[in-house]
């Protein structure tokens, strides 16, 4: 089947199953809602926020602007990881096909906006790396620099034929994932083709499926491999933590914290998305740190004592 026909089938399938119906803001605990809104207000005018807290695929315990598209930065890579592993379930410990050739091709849109030195560094680290290792580098950045961390994600995007094709795969995976939008390769200009975005609800759906170890159409062992890469150190309460955040310091400055906290008798999925646009130069240098601190603080509010 030709690419054009294939992508049409994927989009048609996604459209026919339909997206979940949007809902307004909600809080089971008004005190928590007030606390979170105070934290957002303290970031100043022009701050955009989207928040989600729920059991995996359950009704929200707290939702703020949950259906508003927000810049998602590297937090969208959790979906990339699922699709990568699902596409090569028996090849996780084999090299990603064509990775070295792609990194060496200075004209390929996945790598053209990186310097020759950056591409050479990435080729050394990833050119013959296993699919599992590329997933790890893309999600955690372990053992690689920032350019290689993002080039790993671009290898995954190119593996599917580019942003449009990867988006179609995500949308076909589950109706609840249709709030994810892939419009550009990582670190490509955010204005040329539009930014990568997600709604808090859709990002929560991806993490919910991983938290339940039940991703539609993906084998259990493949889901387990993805979960292992998302694992982080336990939180202060001793709960297991699985997460993928994201940050960007160009307009709009963006910070995202998303994942789940897992205890013996309950699991909580959280998404915190913050963005600020058009800040004066005097505020830009500290905005990323302030948003990052606020995102982590709000995450702690959401899961504390629950």
Protein backbone atom coordinates (compact mmCIF):
# COMPACT_ATOMS: atom_id res chain seq x y z
CA UNK A 1 0.00 0.00 0.00
CA UNK A 2 1.33 3.47 -0.84
CA UNK A 3 2.12 5.91 1.96
CA UNK A 4 -0.66 8.30 1.00
CA UNK A 5 -3.25 5.55 1.04
CA UNK A 6 -1.92 4.11 4.30
CA UNK A 7 -2.00 7.38 6.16
CA UNK A 8 -5.50 8.04 4.87
CA UNK A 9 -6.63 4.73 6.37
CA UNK A 10 -5.07 5.60 9.72
CA UNK A 11 -6.70 9.03 9.84
CA UNK A 12 -10.04 7.61 8.74
CA UNK A 13 -9.91 5.00 11.49
CA UNK A 14 -9.03 7.60 14.12
CA UNK A 15 -11.85 9.86 12.95
CA UNK A 16 -14.49 7.16 12.96
CA UNK A 17 -13.83 6.04 16.53
CA UNK A 18 -14.07 9.64 17.72
CA UNK A 19 -12.50 11.56 20.58
CA UNK A 20 -13.74 11.43 24.18
CA UNK A 21 -16.29 14.13 24.98
CA UNK A 22 -14.71 17.19 26.63
CA UNK A 23 -15.63 18.14 30.17
CA UNK A 24 -15.31 21.31 32.21
CA UNK A 25 -12.98 21.89 35.16
CA UNK A 26 -13.59 19.62 38.12
CA UNK A 27 -12.22 19.04 41.62
CA UNK A 28 -13.26 16.37 44.10
CA UNK A 29 -11.38 18.37 46.76
CA UNK A 30 -12.12 22.13 46.61
CA UNK A 31 -9.21 22.84 48.95
CA UNK A 32 -6.79 21.16 46.54
CA UNK A 33 -8.24 23.10 43.63
CA UNK A 34 -7.73 26.37 45.50
CA UNK A 35 -4.16 25.43 46.39
CA UNK A 36 -3.28 24.57 42.81
CA UNK A 37 -4.90 27.72 41.41
CA UNK A 38 -2.95 29.85 43.91
CA UNK A 39 0.28 28.28 42.71
CA UNK A 40 -0.63 29.05 39.10
CA UNK A 41 -1.65 32.63 39.93
CA UNK A 42 1.70 33.24 41.65
CA UNK A 43 3.43 32.69 38.31
CA UNK A 44 1.88 35.92 37.07
CA UNK A 45 -0.46 37.05 34.31
CA UNK A 46 -0.23 35.28 30.99
CA UNK A 47 0.52 31.89 32.51
CA UNK A 48 -1.35 29.04 30.86
CA UNK A 49 -1.93 25.83 32.77
CA UNK A 50 -3.56 22.44 32.24
CA UNK A 51 -3.77 19.95 35.10
CA UNK A 52 -5.03 16.39 35.47
CA UNK A 53 -5.21 13.92 38.37
CA UNK A 54 -7.04 10.58 38.32
CA UNK A 55 -6.76 6.84 38.81
CA UNK A 56 -5.69 5.17 35.55
CA UNK A 57 -8.47 5.80 33.02
CA UNK A 58 -10.75 6.85 35.89
CA UNK A 59 -12.79 9.98 36.32
CA UNK A 60 -10.66 12.98 37.28
CA UNK A 61 -10.06 13.89 40.88
CA UNK A 62 -8.91 17.28 39.58
CA UNK A 63 -9.00 18.73 36.07
CA UNK A 64 -8.15 22.26 34.95
CA UNK A 65 -8.26 23.15 31.23
CA UNK A 66 -7.86 19.42 30.57
CA UNK A 67 -8.94 19.67 26.92
CA UNK A 68 -6.88 22.76 26.05
CA UNK A 69 -3.99 22.03 23.61
CA UNK A 70 -0.73 22.95 25.32
CA UNK A 71 2.91 22.89 24.21
CA UNK A 72 4.15 19.48 25.32
CA UNK A 73 7.94 19.56 24.75
CA UNK A 74 9.65 16.22 25.35
CA UNK A 75 6.76 14.87 27.43
CA UNK A 76 5.19 13.70 24.15
CA UNK A 77 8.04 11.20 23.81
CA UNK A 78 6.14 8.77 26.03
CA UNK A 79 3.85 8.14 23.07
CA UNK A 80 6.86 7.81 20.75
CA UNK A 81 8.29 5.16 23.06
CA UNK A 82 5.11 3.07 22.93
CA UNK A 83 4.93 3.23 19.13
CA UNK A 84 8.64 2.47 18.69
CA UNK A 85 8.54 -0.63 20.88
CA UNK A 86 5.20 -1.75 19.44
CA UNK A 87 6.63 -1.55 15.90
CA UNK A 88 9.64 -3.77 16.72
CA UNK A 89 8.52 -6.03 19.58
CA UNK A 90 11.02 -8.79 18.73
CA UNK A 91 13.83 -6.40 17.88
CA UNK A 92 14.26 -4.31 21.02
CA UNK A 93 17.85 -5.48 21.44
CA UNK A 94 18.75 -5.07 17.77
CA UNK A 95 19.91 -1.83 16.07
CA UNK A 96 17.25 0.56 14.81
CA UNK A 97 17.22 0.16 11.01
CA UNK A 98 18.91 3.00 9.08
CA UNK A 99 19.79 5.02 12.19
CA UNK A 100 23.44 5.55 11.27
CA UNK A 101 22.63 6.46 7.66
CA UNK A 102 20.02 8.95 8.76
CA UNK A 103 22.36 10.66 11.23
CA UNK A 104 24.97 10.95 8.47
CA UNK A 105 22.52 12.53 6.01
CA UNK A 106 22.80 16.28 6.63
CA UNK A 107 19.76 16.97 4.42
CA UNK A 108 17.31 14.69 6.23
CA UNK A 109 14.67 16.85 8.01
CA UNK A 110 15.17 14.86 11.20
CA UNK A 111 18.78 16.04 11.52
CA UNK A 112 19.29 19.04 9.19
CA UNK A 113 18.84 21.60 11.99
CA UNK A 114 21.68 20.09 14.07
CA UNK A 115 25.36 20.92 13.61
CA UNK A 116 27.82 18.43 12.07
CA UNK A 117 29.43 18.01 15.50
CA UNK A 118 26.09 17.27 17.13
CA UNK A 119 25.21 14.74 14.44
CA UNK A 120 28.61 13.06 14.72
CA UNK A 121 28.24 12.76 18.48
CA UNK A 122 24.76 11.28 18.08
CA UNK A 123 25.95 8.88 15.38
CA UNK A 124 28.67 7.57 17.69
CA UNK A 125 26.17 7.09 20.54
CA UNK A 126 23.15 5.87 18.58
CA UNK A 127 24.18 4.78 15.08
CA UNK A 128 24.46 1.12 16.08
CA UNK A 129 22.47 1.30 19.30
CA UNK A 130 19.63 -1.07 20.05
CA UNK A 131 16.01 0.02 19.81
CA UNK A 132 15.81 -0.28 23.61
CA UNK A 133 18.87 1.98 24.06
CA UNK A 134 17.48 4.59 21.67
CA UNK A 135 14.23 4.57 23.66
CA UNK A 136 16.19 5.02 26.88
CA UNK A 137 18.26 7.89 25.45
CA UNK A 138 15.13 9.60 24.11
CA UNK A 139 13.27 9.35 27.43
CA UNK A 140 15.93 9.72 30.13
CA UNK A 141 18.87 11.39 28.40
CA UNK A 142 21.08 8.93 30.29
CA UNK A 143 24.66 9.03 29.01
CA UNK A 144 23.99 11.50 26.19
CA UNK A 145 24.00 15.25 25.66
CA UNK A 146 20.85 17.30 25.00
CA UNK A 147 21.23 17.23 21.21
CA UNK A 148 21.56 13.43 21.18
CA UNK A 149 18.61 13.11 23.58
CA UNK A 150 16.48 14.94 21.02
CA UNK A 151 18.04 13.32 17.95
CA UNK A 152 17.06 9.95 19.45
CA UNK A 153 13.43 11.08 19.33
CA UNK A 154 13.90 12.31 15.76
CA UNK A 155 15.20 8.88 14.74
CA UNK A 156 11.99 7.42 16.12
CA UNK A 157 9.85 10.00 14.29
CA UNK A 158 11.70 9.32 11.03
CA UNK A 159 11.33 5.56 11.58
CA UNK A 160 7.58 6.11 11.05
CA UNK A 161 8.05 8.40 8.05
CA UNK A 162 7.91 11.79 9.78
CA UNK A 163 5.72 13.77 12.18
CA UNK A 164 2.46 13.35 10.26
CA UNK A 165 2.83 9.58 10.11
CA UNK A 166 3.78 9.28 13.77
CA UNK A 167 0.77 11.37 14.77
CA UNK A 168 -1.47 9.09 12.73
CA UNK A 169 -0.07 6.05 14.55
CA UNK A 170 -0.73 7.65 17.93
CA UNK A 171 -4.29 8.61 16.99
CA UNK A 172 -5.02 5.13 15.69
CA UNK A 173 -3.73 3.54 18.90
CA UNK A 174 -6.68 4.77 20.98
CA UNK A 175 -9.35 7.49 20.71
CA UNK A 176 -8.21 8.96 24.03
CA UNK A 177 -4.76 9.64 22.53
CA UNK A 178 -6.11 11.92 19.80
CA UNK A 179 -5.24 15.07 21.73
CA UNK A 180 -1.55 14.40 20.93
CA UNK A 181 -0.26 16.32 17.90
CA UNK A 182 3.15 15.80 16.28
CA UNK A 183 3.96 18.67 13.93
CA UNK A 184 7.73 18.93 14.01
CA UNK A 185 10.95 17.11 14.73
CA UNK A 186 12.49 17.87 18.13
CA UNK A 187 14.29 21.23 18.24
CA UNK A 188 13.10 22.19 14.76
CA UNK A 189 11.59 25.67 14.51
CA UNK A 190 8.36 25.75 16.55
CA UNK A 191 6.69 28.21 14.17
CA UNK A 192 7.33 26.72 10.72
CA UNK A 193 4.97 23.75 10.94
CA UNK A 194 3.45 24.43 14.35
CA UNK A 195 4.37 23.15 17.79
CA UNK A 196 3.97 19.67 19.19
CA UNK A 197 1.01 19.85 21.55
CA UNK A 198 -1.12 17.70 23.82
CA UNK A 199 -4.09 18.07 26.08
CA UNK A 200 -3.65 17.11 29.71
CA UNK A 201 -6.42 14.53 29.27
CA UNK A 202 -4.73 12.83 26.29
CA UNK A 203 -1.30 12.75 27.93
CA UNK A 204 -2.92 11.27 31.02
CA UNK A 205 -4.52 8.58 28.84
CA UNK A 206 -1.12 7.42 27.56
CA UNK A 207 0.29 7.23 31.09
CA UNK A 208 -2.91 5.57 32.31
CA UNK A 209 -2.58 2.76 29.79
CA UNK A 210 1.05 2.22 30.76
CA UNK A 211 0.14 2.35 34.46
CA UNK A 212 -2.50 -0.36 33.89
CA UNK A 213 0.02 -2.30 31.78
CA UNK A 214 -2.72 -2.47 29.16
CA UNK A 215 -1.95 -0.47 26.02
CA UNK A 216 -4.36 -1.27 23.17
CA UNK A 217 -2.76 -3.56 20.61
CA UNK A 218 0.57 -3.86 22.44
CA UNK A 219 1.87 -7.11 23.97
CA UNK A 220 2.35 -7.24 27.74
CA UNK A 221 6.11 -7.80 27.49
CA UNK A 222 6.45 -4.78 25.21
CA UNK A 223 4.50 -2.60 27.65
CA UNK A 224 6.74 -3.86 30.46
CA UNK A 225 9.83 -2.79 28.50
CA UNK A 226 8.42 0.72 28.07
CA UNK A 227 7.44 0.94 31.75
CA UNK A 228 10.98 0.00 32.77
CA UNK A 229 12.41 2.98 30.90
CA UNK A 230 9.92 5.37 32.53
CA UNK A 231 10.77 4.21 36.08
CA UNK A 232 12.19 6.83 38.43
CA UNK A 233 13.29 6.74 42.09
CA UNK A 234 10.48 6.33 44.63
CA UNK A 235 8.86 9.49 45.97
CA UNK A 236 9.03 10.76 49.57
CA UNK A 237 6.15 8.49 50.57
CA UNK A 238 7.86 5.42 49.11
CA UNK A 239 5.56 5.16 46.10
CA UNK A 240 7.01 3.95 42.81
CA UNK A 241 7.20 6.75 40.24
CA UNK A 242 7.04 6.46 36.45
CA UNK A 243 7.27 9.70 34.49
CA UNK A 244 8.36 11.73 31.47
CA UNK A 245 8.62 15.49 31.69
CA UNK A 246 9.49 18.16 29.19
CA UNK A 247 10.96 21.65 28.99
CA UNK A 248 11.52 24.35 26.39
CA UNK A 249 12.98 27.81 26.91
CA UNK A 250 11.91 29.37 23.60
CA UNK A 251 8.46 30.99 23.32
CA UNK A 252 6.26 29.73 24.76
CA UNK A 253 8.47 28.75 27.69
CA UNK A 254 7.19 25.33 28.68
CA UNK A 255 7.41 22.91 31.58
CA UNK A 256 5.55 19.58 31.81
CA UNK A 257 5.51 16.91 34.51
CA UNK A 258 3.51 13.79 33.64
CA UNK A 259 3.36 10.19 34.83
CA UNK A 260 2.02 8.16 37.71
CA UNK A 261 2.72 7.29 41.35
CA UNK A 262 2.09 3.65 42.18
CA UNK A 263 1.46 2.16 45.62
CA UNK A 264 0.38 -1.32 46.73
CA UNK A 265 -3.31 -0.39 46.77
CA UNK A 266 -3.68 2.63 44.49
CA UNK A 267 -2.24 4.41 41.45
CA UNK A 268 -2.54 8.11 40.63
CA UNK A 269 -1.88 9.55 37.17
CA UNK A 270 -0.84 13.20 37.07
CA UNK A 271 -0.24 15.76 34.33
CA UNK A 272 0.95 19.32 34.99
CA UNK A 273 1.44 21.56 31.94
CA UNK A 274 2.61 25.17 32.28
CA UNK A 275 3.48 27.75 29.61
CA UNK A 276 4.29 31.46 29.41
CA UNK A 277 4.41 33.62 26.28
CA UNK A 278 5.99 36.95 25.34
CA UNK A 279 7.79 37.60 28.60
CA UNK A 280 9.93 40.76 28.89
CA UNK A 281 13.69 40.11 28.63
CA UNK A 282 14.13 40.78 32.35
CA UNK A 283 11.87 37.81 33.19
CA UNK A 284 12.98 35.32 30.55
CA UNK A 285 16.21 34.26 32.23
CA UNK A 286 14.42 32.94 35.31
CA UNK A 287 11.07 31.91 33.81
CA UNK A 288 12.05 28.34 33.03
CA UNK A 289 13.30 27.70 36.54
CA UNK A 290 10.18 29.25 38.07
CA UNK A 291 7.87 27.18 35.86
CA UNK A 292 9.84 24.02 36.56
CA UNK A 293 9.73 24.56 40.30
CA UNK A 294 6.01 25.30 40.10
CA UNK A 295 5.27 22.18 38.02
CA UNK A 296 7.07 19.95 40.51
CA UNK A 297 5.38 21.71 43.43
CA UNK A 298 1.92 21.22 41.89
CA UNK A 299 2.69 17.55 41.22
CA UNK A 300 3.54 17.14 44.91
CA UNK A 301 0.25 18.83 45.87
CA UNK A 302 -1.70 16.44 43.65
CA UNK A 303 -0.31 13.21 45.07
CA UNK A 304 0.31 14.19 48.69
CA UNK A 305 -1.69 12.10 51.14
CA UNK A 306 -3.71 10.39 48.44
